[in-house]
Protein backbone atom coordinates (compact mmCIF):
# COMPACT_ATOMS: atom_id res chain seq x y z
CA MET A 1 -22.59 -21.81 1.62
CA LYS A 2 -19.31 -23.65 2.30
CA LEU A 3 -18.02 -22.81 -1.35
CA LYS A 4 -18.81 -19.21 -0.78
CA THR A 5 -16.87 -19.00 2.43
CA ILE A 6 -13.94 -20.88 0.70
CA ALA A 7 -13.92 -18.60 -2.23
CA LEU A 8 -14.28 -15.51 -0.01
CA ALA A 9 -11.24 -16.71 2.16
CA ILE A 10 -9.29 -17.28 -0.92
CA ALA A 11 -10.25 -13.72 -2.18
CA VAL A 12 -9.08 -12.26 1.19
CA ALA A 13 -5.74 -14.19 1.28
CA SER A 14 -4.98 -13.16 -2.27
CA LEU A 15 -6.31 -9.61 -2.13
CA GLY A 16 -3.50 -7.33 -3.52
CA LEU A 17 -1.35 -10.15 -4.83
CA GLY A 18 -1.71 -9.19 -8.31
CA ALA A 19 -0.76 -5.47 -7.45
CA VAL A 20 2.19 -6.85 -5.53
CA SER A 21 3.67 -9.44 -7.98
CA ALA A 22 3.24 -7.05 -11.03
CA ALA A 23 4.44 -4.01 -9.23
CA ASP A 24 7.88 -2.74 -10.37
CA ASN A 25 8.65 -0.20 -7.72
CA PRO A 26 8.61 -0.22 -3.95
CA VAL A 27 6.02 2.37 -3.76
CA GLU A 28 3.49 0.09 -5.64
CA ILE A 29 4.62 -3.10 -3.79
CA ARG A 30 4.02 -1.43 -0.33
CA GLU A 31 0.85 0.09 -1.45
CA GLY A 32 -0.40 -3.46 -2.52
CA LEU A 33 0.66 -5.01 0.74
CA MET A 34 -1.37 -2.07 2.68
CA LYS A 35 -4.44 -2.83 0.46
CA LYS A 36 -3.97 -6.58 1.34
CA ILE A 37 -3.86 -5.77 5.20
CA GLY A 38 -6.58 -3.42 4.98
CA GLY A 39 -8.76 -5.78 3.25
CA SER A 40 -7.92 -8.51 5.83
CA MET A 41 -8.76 -6.03 8.54
CA GLY A 42 -12.05 -5.15 7.03
CA ALA A 43 -13.02 -8.98 6.69
CA LEU A 44 -12.04 -9.29 10.62
CA ALA A 45 -13.92 -6.18 11.50
CA GLY A 46 -17.10 -7.27 9.61
CA ILE A 47 -17.07 -10.27 11.79
CA ALA A 48 -16.26 -8.26 14.90
CA LYS A 49 -19.02 -5.99 14.37
CA GLY A 50 -21.52 -8.77 13.59
CA ASP A 51 -22.09 -7.62 10.10
CA LYS A 52 -20.85 -11.04 8.94
CA PRO A 53 -21.01 -14.35 10.75
CA TYR A 54 -18.10 -15.72 12.46
CA ASP A 55 -16.06 -17.88 9.73
CA GLU A 56 -12.95 -19.63 11.00
CA ALA A 57 -11.56 -19.90 7.40
CA ILE A 58 -11.99 -16.10 6.86
CA VAL A 59 -10.42 -15.36 10.18
CA LYS A 60 -7.47 -17.60 9.61
CA ALA A 61 -7.03 -16.48 6.10
CA SER A 62 -7.30 -12.74 7.18
CA LEU A 63 -4.66 -13.17 9.90
CA THR A 64 -2.29 -15.16 7.68
CA ALA A 65 -2.53 -12.37 5.14
CA ILE A 66 -1.75 -9.76 7.77
CA SER A 67 1.05 -11.80 9.15
CA GLU A 68 2.85 -12.65 5.74
CA SER A 69 2.40 -9.11 4.38
CA ILE A 70 3.73 -7.21 7.31
CA LYS A 71 6.87 -9.16 7.59
CA VAL A 72 7.95 -8.30 4.16
CA PHE A 73 6.53 -4.75 4.32
CA PRO A 74 9.62 -2.97 5.89
CA ASP A 75 11.69 -4.15 3.05
CA GLN A 76 9.84 -2.10 0.65
CA PHE A 77 11.27 1.25 1.82
CA PRO A 78 14.80 1.49 0.38
CA ALA A 79 16.42 4.84 0.30
CA GLY A 80 15.07 7.18 -2.17
CA SER A 81 11.64 5.53 -2.39
CA ASP A 82 9.77 8.34 -0.70
CA ALA A 83 8.66 10.26 -3.79
CA GLY A 84 5.06 9.82 -4.74
CA SER A 85 3.87 8.01 -1.51
CA GLU A 86 2.21 8.83 1.69
CA ALA A 87 5.24 7.35 3.54
CA SER A 88 6.68 10.10 5.89
CA PRO A 89 10.39 10.78 5.76
CA LYS A 90 10.41 9.83 9.33
CA ILE A 91 10.50 6.15 8.33
CA TRP A 92 14.11 6.43 6.87
CA GLU A 93 15.10 8.53 9.87
CA SER A 94 13.72 5.99 12.26
CA MET A 95 14.06 2.85 10.36
CA ASP A 96 14.97 0.66 13.47
CA ASP A 97 11.52 1.81 15.13
CA PHE A 98 9.72 1.35 12.06
CA LYS A 99 10.83 -2.28 11.73
CA ALA A 100 10.19 -2.79 15.32
CA LYS A 101 6.56 -1.52 14.78
CA ALA A 102 6.04 -4.04 11.85
CA ALA A 103 7.75 -6.84 13.83
CA LYS A 104 5.17 -6.28 16.64
CA LEU A 105 2.27 -6.36 14.32
CA GLY A 106 3.61 -9.51 12.81
CA ALA A 107 4.05 -11.08 16.26
CA ASP A 108 0.63 -10.18 17.30
CA ALA A 109 -0.90 -11.42 14.18
CA ASP A 110 1.16 -14.67 14.78
CA ALA A 111 0.03 -14.94 18.19
CA GLN A 112 -3.67 -14.59 17.13
CA LEU A 113 -3.22 -17.36 14.50
CA ALA A 114 -1.77 -19.67 17.15
CA GLN A 115 -4.94 -19.19 19.42
CA LEU A 116 -7.19 -18.70 16.44
CA PRO A 117 -10.27 -16.51 17.70
CA ALA A 118 -13.19 -18.80 17.82
CA ASP A 119 -16.09 -16.29 18.00
CA GLN A 120 -17.23 -12.78 17.30
CA ALA A 121 -15.91 -11.39 20.70
CA SER A 122 -12.50 -12.84 20.26
CA VAL A 123 -12.35 -11.58 16.67
CA GLY A 124 -13.19 -8.23 18.11
CA ALA A 125 -10.30 -8.37 20.55
CA ALA A 126 -8.02 -9.31 17.90
CA VAL A 127 -9.18 -6.38 15.85
CA GLY A 128 -8.40 -4.24 18.64
CA LEU A 129 -5.18 -5.52 19.07
CA ILE A 130 -4.02 -5.44 15.58
CA GLY A 131 -5.72 -2.19 14.95
CA LYS A 132 -3.73 -0.52 17.71
CA ASN A 133 -0.42 -1.45 16.02
CA CYS A 134 -1.81 -0.26 12.71
CA GLY A 135 -2.69 3.11 14.27
CA ASP A 136 0.62 3.47 16.18
CA CYS A 137 2.51 3.08 13.03
CA HIS A 138 0.29 5.30 10.90
CA GLN A 139 0.25 7.99 13.52
CA SER A 140 4.16 7.87 13.28
CA TYR A 141 4.97 7.25 9.70
CA ARG A 142 2.26 8.04 7.33
CA VAL A 143 1.74 11.47 5.96
CA LYS A 144 -1.80 12.79 6.77
CA LYS A 145 -3.92 13.55 3.90
């Protein structure tokens, strides 16, 4: 059981790493980072909903992946990289706000890491806080499908 947990934690932590390291353009890099964050949120949500048992290693790996990914995410939006993505042109018009939203998510993920959620309820609270950050940014800066 412990080996399975460790393997899952490693998988969550490295989710999207291949896509990020192999990508040669900002759109692919940021999509890889979003998949990594999304996978981490999915792992946390599974615990929060009670679909998966609480596992400290998975919680820590997921929060670490979110923290690390969001800190480099805003750097993947150089001028002219809007073609072929779901990124709104508003990102480039309001880059300071976009970066501030990413920084808030990073700070909230770091705060959760510092006081690691210790049970299902506290993972649920962390998911609510982090998920609000994700939703706020997506509302403002993602083109709706």
